[in-house]
């Protein structure tokens, strides 16, 4: 039963991580302090065109 529970928890965790990585986040640009919506990973600020690298730290 423990292996079954571990497998389900792994599937749920992977699904949650995928869902969180697919959405946009409201962040403040570290360069110009403008509020922008960006996906995870590297993207560019719509105000100053500087690169924003949004990395999520999963701890669950």
C-alpha atoms as a PDB file:
ATOM      1  CA  UNK A   1       0.000   0.000   0.000  1.00  0.00           C
ATOM      2  CA  UNK A   2       2.888   2.389   0.710  1.00  0.00           C
ATOM      3  CA  UNK A   3       4.165   2.185  -2.891  1.00  0.00           C
ATOM      4  CA  UNK A   4       0.653   2.952  -4.149  1.00  0.00           C
ATOM      5  CA  UNK A   5       0.435   6.008  -1.880  1.00  0.00           C
ATOM      6  CA  UNK A   6       3.909   7.186  -2.916  1.00  0.00           C
ATOM      7  CA  UNK A   7       2.992   6.862  -6.604  1.00  0.00           C
ATOM      8  CA  UNK A   8      -0.210   8.848  -6.154  1.00  0.00           C
ATOM      9  CA  UNK A   9       1.605  11.577  -4.214  1.00  0.00           C
ATOM     10  CA  UNK A  10       4.265  11.787  -6.935  1.00  0.00           C
ATOM     11  CA  UNK A  11       1.583  12.115  -9.629  1.00  0.00           C
ATOM     12  CA  UNK A  12      -0.291  14.806  -7.701  1.00  0.00           C
ATOM     13  CA  UNK A  13       2.938  16.729  -7.020  1.00  0.00           C
ATOM     14  CA  UNK A  14       3.999  16.582 -10.678  1.00  0.00           C
ATOM     15  CA  UNK A  15       0.540  17.725 -11.812  1.00  0.00           C
ATOM     16  CA  UNK A  16       0.618  20.658  -9.372  1.00  0.00           C
ATOM     17  CA  UNK A  17       4.112  21.699 -10.515  1.00  0.00           C
ATOM     18  CA  UNK A  18       3.050  21.566 -14.171  1.00  0.00           C
ATOM     19  CA  UNK A  19      -0.062  23.654 -13.473  1.00  0.00           C
ATOM     20  CA  UNK A  20       1.943  26.261 -11.550  1.00  0.00           C
ATOM     21  CA  UNK A  21       4.558  26.491 -14.307  1.00  0.00           C
ATOM     22  CA  UNK A  22       1.904  27.125 -16.979  1.00  0.00           C
ATOM     23  CA  UNK A  23       0.324  30.233 -15.461  1.00  0.00           C
ATOM     24  CA  UNK A  24       1.302  33.902 -15.501  1.00  0.00           C
ATOM     25  CA  UNK A  25       2.438  35.664 -12.340  1.00  0.00           C
ATOM     26  CA  UNK A  26       2.147  39.313 -11.311  1.00  0.00           C
ATOM     27  CA  UNK A  27       5.658  40.428 -10.403  1.00  0.00           C
ATOM     28  CA  UNK A  28       7.546  43.669  -9.981  1.00  0.00           C
ATOM     29  CA  UNK A  29      10.339  44.118 -12.498  1.00  0.00           C
ATOM     30  CA  UNK A  30      13.636  44.130 -10.569  1.00  0.00           C
ATOM     31  CA  UNK A  31      15.001  46.755 -12.970  1.00  0.00           C
ATOM     32  CA  UNK A  32      12.270  49.404 -13.360  1.00  0.00           C
ATOM     33  CA  UNK A  33       9.866  48.342 -10.556  1.00  0.00           C
ATOM     34  CA  UNK A  34       6.935  48.216 -13.022  1.00  0.00           C
ATOM     35  CA  UNK A  35       4.298  45.546 -12.302  1.00  0.00           C
ATOM     36  CA  UNK A  36       4.148  42.969 -15.124  1.00  0.00           C
ATOM     37  CA  UNK A  37       2.657  39.525 -15.773  1.00  0.00           C
ATOM     38  CA  UNK A  38       5.276  36.932 -16.685  1.00  0.00           C
ATOM     39  CA  UNK A  39       5.445  33.149 -17.058  1.00  0.00           C
ATOM     40  CA  UNK A  40       8.029  31.070 -15.252  1.00  0.00           C
ATOM     41  CA  UNK A  41      11.454  31.058 -16.856  1.00  0.00           C
ATOM     42  CA  UNK A  42      13.076  33.892 -18.738  1.00  0.00           C
ATOM     43  CA  UNK A  43      10.987  36.688 -20.220  1.00  0.00           C
ATOM     44  CA  UNK A  44      11.243  40.432 -20.776  1.00  0.00           C
ATOM     45  CA  UNK A  45       9.653  43.355 -19.025  1.00  0.00           C
ATOM     46  CA  UNK A  46       7.036  45.066 -21.196  1.00  0.00           C
ATOM     47  CA  UNK A  47       8.072  48.436 -19.773  1.00  0.00           C
ATOM     48  CA  UNK A  48      11.901  48.477 -19.877  1.00  0.00           C
ATOM     49  CA  UNK A  49      12.657  45.361 -22.007  1.00  0.00           C
ATOM     50  CA  UNK A  50      15.078  43.999 -19.399  1.00  0.00           C
ATOM     51  CA  UNK A  51      15.153  40.255 -18.769  1.00  0.00           C
ATOM     52  CA  UNK A  52      13.180  38.779 -15.877  1.00  0.00           C
ATOM     53  CA  UNK A  53      13.991  35.231 -14.769  1.00  0.00           C
ATOM     54  CA  UNK A  54      11.151  33.848 -12.661  1.00  0.00           C
ATOM     55  CA  UNK A  55      11.999  30.586 -10.940  1.00  0.00           C
ATOM     56  CA  UNK A  56       9.541  28.883  -8.617  1.00  0.00           C
ATOM     57  CA  UNK A  57      10.935  27.103  -5.568  1.00  0.00           C
ATOM     58  CA  UNK A  58       8.711  24.083  -4.912  1.00  0.00           C
ATOM     59  CA  UNK A  59       8.811  22.705  -1.394  1.00  0.00           C
ATOM     60  CA  UNK A  60       6.005  20.214  -1.076  1.00  0.00           C
END
